[in-house]
Amino acid sequence: VAVGMWVMIAKIQFLNVSAAENAQNRPQLSLNQARETAFRNNWDLLAARSDVDIATAQKVISHEFPNPTLALSTMKVDADNHSSATVLGNSLWNRSYDTIAAVNQLFEIGGKRSARQAAALAGFEASRLRLLDAKRVLDLAVTRAYVQAVLADSNAAILRASAASLRKEAEIAETRHKAGDISTADRTQIEIVADRFELDATSAEANSKALRITLQTLIGNPNADGNFGFAEALESLAETRVPIVDPAHLPPRSDVLALEALRRKADADLRLQKAMRVPDPTFFVQYEREPPDKPNTVGFGVSIPIPLWNHNRGAISAAAANQKQSTVLADKARAQFASEVATSQVNYQDAYNRWKRYGSDIVPRSENFRSTISYAYQKGGASLLDLLSAERSDNDIRLAAAQAAADTAVSIASLKAAFSPADEKTTHENAK
């Protein structure tokens, strides 16, 4: 049994060394590189760019005029060509056929054209702002995924370190066991706890690889394999500076401005539907040839629908409801904007204080206590229960400290995303 135990320990140590070597040889990915790659390749962001292209096309369409209509007709065609002959002759042009060529042109009146153009312009602006907001949300999502993967790596390293510490204790326990100071059960229990830490570390490494694959998929890698390392540690991510902002004078954010643009589009759509009650005239000019008397004549005319049955009430009601809904959504977005900023500030302060407290006070004291108990156990001044309790407590505290650092890094990203303004051009136009 003892031989089998030491063989297993040797295998685990070999795997640890191999894993460390592989980690060093893997390509390194920084957070900025991940964000830049996501901005280029993320599929949702590419789809949002296509929405802008569609809105641009709609803006072009709104400036186009209706095409004229050409109508050609020939009547009074007799099966006996000779009976259709005139004094001008019996050629196709001189027969007594009644041939009419007419051109019809529709003209929009009542403000339909200007309302349609205003709606298209507002729709384009909303799509452009949604693209900016999709980029803002993607930035936060990439940061979250990056930090969670780094945290999983950090947890695996902490668990490996705890297991290595207990392996050393097991070696000392073996010496004491040979000297008759401790029982076989004590030594075995230390090894069992170390094995458990090793298994937890292996699970954390598997979770880290799964999170790396998720991150690669998020940034648009079609062949995600999780085979890369991280160029930044949790501590450096948590130390990122946060801009100081005044919640009462925050610049407008892209999602708020996008909903404001949709509200303007709804206003223009309502004006358009009301203008649709005004009939649009169609003017026409025609040329008619009917030999022999006055064979060539020109005519002018106009046609207009009579709004007798349809007054477009249904479409107007739908546009009014959409306008009301867009107004409510814009008000809701402004309220959520202020709420997210306030909540993000609270979360950041809590996470930052926890992280600093762990780093400056709790973690050093825990390490000192663990070292003291370990030394006392080696000298026979502490029990096995005290040793294992100190090891577990120190392991849990270091894991909690890593979690606090990750929470701080995520809260920094959330705070930046909460008050991230739209681009300067949009902010300037909105102010005007």
Foldseek 3Di string as FASTA:
>chain_A
DVVVLVVVVVVLVVVVVVVVVLQVPFAADELVNLLVLLCVAFPVLVVLVVQLVVLVVQLVVLPDFDDKDKDKDKDPDDPPQVVQADPVGSDPQRGQIKIKIKIKGWDADQCLSVLSNQLSVLSSLLSVLVSVLVSLVLSLVLLLLVLVLLLLVVLLVLLLVLLVVLVVLLVLVVVCVVVVNDDPVLSVVSSVVSVVSSVVSVVSVVVSQVSLQVSCVSSRNPDRRSRHHHPDHLQVLLPDDFDDDDLVDFFAASNLVSLVSQLSSLVSQLSNLQSVLAKIKMKMKMWIAGDDPCRTDIDIDIDTDDSPPDRSPVSNVVSVVSNVVSVVVSVVVVVVLSVLLVVLVVQLVVLSVVLVCLVPPVLVVLVVLLVVQSVCVSVVNHDSVSNVVSSVVNSVSSSVSSVSSSSNSSSSSSNCSSRVHDDPVSSVVVVD
